[in-house]
Amino acid sequence: MMADHLTGVDSDEIGAHDSSLTLGRYVGVAPEDEEADFEETLCSIQIDLRGTDEEGGERAKRIDRYFEELGA
């Protein structure tokens, strides 16, 4: 996958870009995945976030219990 994002340039090409080493001079924008379903992707992200929120809530409760045990 990373190989899709790598390219080689020679010193002549770098010189043609005023010796700029800015990546945007040499790397184009990735083509859009027309088959990607934005709504499906967004739903998947929301499900992941809900799980993360639930895990965080459980951890917060556990920490509160630890503090109670310590008398804090």
C-alpha atoms as a PDB file:
ATOM      1  CA  MET A   1       0.000   0.000   0.000  1.00  0.00           C
ATOM      2  CA  MET A   2       2.782   2.438   0.848  1.00  0.00           C
ATOM      3  CA  ALA A   3       4.382   1.820  -2.544  1.00  0.00           C
ATOM      4  CA  ASP A   4       1.391   3.582  -4.091  1.00  0.00           C
ATOM      5  CA  HIS A   5       2.521   6.783  -2.393  1.00  0.00           C
ATOM      6  CA  LEU A   6       6.223   6.691  -3.215  1.00  0.00           C
ATOM      7  CA  THR A   7       7.996   8.165  -6.192  1.00  0.00           C
ATOM      8  CA  GLY A   8      11.546   8.873  -7.172  1.00  0.00           C
ATOM      9  CA  VAL A   9      12.776  12.129  -8.693  1.00  0.00           C
ATOM     10  CA  ASP A  10      16.166  13.132  -9.968  1.00  0.00           C
ATOM     11  CA  SER A  11      18.076  16.328  -9.257  1.00  0.00           C
ATOM     12  CA  ASP A  12      17.012  17.827 -12.611  1.00  0.00           C
ATOM     13  CA  GLU A  13      13.340  17.572 -11.658  1.00  0.00           C
ATOM     14  CA  ILE A  14      14.050  19.036  -8.220  1.00  0.00           C
ATOM     15  CA  GLY A  15      15.925  21.891  -9.908  1.00  0.00           C
ATOM     16  CA  ALA A  16      12.959  22.481 -12.222  1.00  0.00           C
ATOM     17  CA  HIS A  17      10.887  23.105  -9.091  1.00  0.00           C
ATOM     18  CA  ASP A  18      13.337  25.715  -7.746  1.00  0.00           C
ATOM     19  CA  SER A  19      14.945  23.061  -5.500  1.00  0.00           C
ATOM     20  CA  SER A  20      11.737  22.828  -3.482  1.00  0.00           C
ATOM     21  CA  LEU A  21      11.375  19.598  -1.545  1.00  0.00           C
ATOM     22  CA  THR A  22       7.695  20.174  -0.780  1.00  0.00           C
ATOM     23  CA  LEU A  23       5.879  16.898  -1.357  1.00  0.00           C
ATOM     24  CA  GLY A  24       3.012  18.557  -3.206  1.00  0.00           C
ATOM     25  CA  ARG A  25       5.406  19.383  -6.041  1.00  0.00           C
ATOM     26  CA  TYR A  26       5.954  15.715  -6.793  1.00  0.00           C
ATOM     27  CA  VAL A  27       2.948  13.810  -5.471  1.00  0.00           C
ATOM     28  CA  GLY A  28      -0.525  14.188  -6.895  1.00  0.00           C
ATOM     29  CA  VAL A  29      -3.864  13.859  -5.161  1.00  0.00           C
ATOM     30  CA  ALA A  30      -5.110  10.308  -4.741  1.00  0.00           C
ATOM     31  CA  PRO A  31      -8.014   9.472  -7.016  1.00  0.00           C
ATOM     32  CA  GLU A  32     -11.399   9.341  -5.329  1.00  0.00           C
ATOM     33  CA  ASP A  33     -12.835   5.929  -4.687  1.00  0.00           C
ATOM     34  CA  GLU A  34     -16.133   6.209  -6.516  1.00  0.00           C
ATOM     35  CA  GLU A  35     -17.332   2.988  -4.937  1.00  0.00           C
ATOM     36  CA  ALA A  36     -16.857   4.313  -1.410  1.00  0.00           C
ATOM     37  CA  ASP A  37     -20.164   4.728   0.381  1.00  0.00           C
ATOM     38  CA  PHE A  38     -19.922   7.857   2.510  1.00  0.00           C
ATOM     39  CA  GLU A  39     -22.987   7.032   4.598  1.00  0.00           C
ATOM     40  CA  GLU A  40     -21.763   3.510   5.314  1.00  0.00           C
ATOM     41  CA  THR A  41     -18.326   4.813   6.270  1.00  0.00           C
ATOM     42  CA  LEU A  42     -19.816   7.464   8.553  1.00  0.00           C
ATOM     43  CA  CYS A  43     -22.055   4.885  10.264  1.00  0.00           C
ATOM     44  CA  SER A  44     -19.050   2.643  10.836  1.00  0.00           C
ATOM     45  CA  ILE A  45     -17.127   5.509  12.411  1.00  0.00           C
ATOM     46  CA  GLN A  46     -20.082   6.368  14.668  1.00  0.00           C
ATOM     47  CA  ILE A  47     -20.336   2.755  15.839  1.00  0.00           C
ATOM     48  CA  ASP A  48     -16.613   2.749  16.642  1.00  0.00           C
ATOM     49  CA  LEU A  49     -16.949   6.019  18.558  1.00  0.00           C
ATOM     50  CA  ARG A  50     -19.886   4.706  20.588  1.00  0.00           C
ATOM     51  CA  GLY A  51     -17.793   1.704  21.581  1.00  0.00           C
ATOM     52  CA  THR A  52     -14.917   3.966  22.533  1.00  0.00           C
ATOM     53  CA  ASP A  53     -17.256   6.179  24.592  1.00  0.00           C
ATOM     54  CA  GLU A  54     -18.661   3.134  26.402  1.00  0.00           C
ATOM     55  CA  GLU A  55     -15.166   1.847  27.170  1.00  0.00           C
ATOM     56  CA  GLY A  56     -14.179   5.279  28.449  1.00  0.00           C
ATOM     57  CA  GLY A  57     -17.245   5.418  30.680  1.00  0.00           C
ATOM     58  CA  GLU A  58     -16.421   2.026  32.170  1.00  0.00           C
ATOM     59  CA  ARG A  59     -12.836   3.101  32.797  1.00  0.00           C
ATOM     60  CA  ALA A  60     -14.015   6.299  34.483  1.00  0.00           C
ATOM     61  CA  LYS A  61     -16.266   4.264  36.804  1.00  0.00           C
ATOM     62  CA  ARG A  62     -13.405   1.934  37.646  1.00  0.00           C
ATOM     63  CA  ILE A  63     -11.117   4.892  38.434  1.00  0.00           C
ATOM     64  CA  ASP A  64     -13.819   6.394  40.660  1.00  0.00           C
ATOM     65  CA  ARG A  65     -14.042   3.086  42.567  1.00  0.00           C
ATOM     66  CA  TYR A  66     -10.275   3.077  43.033  1.00  0.00           C
ATOM     67  CA  PHE A  67     -10.401   6.591  44.473  1.00  0.00           C
ATOM     68  CA  GLU A  68     -13.224   5.587  46.819  1.00  0.00           C
ATOM     69  CA  GLU A  69     -11.163   2.613  48.002  1.00  0.00           C
ATOM     70  CA  LEU A  70      -8.249   4.972  48.669  1.00  0.00           C
ATOM     71  CA  GLY A  71     -10.550   7.274  50.647  1.00  0.00           C
ATOM     72  CA  ALA A  72     -10.161  10.149  48.251  1.00  0.00           C
END
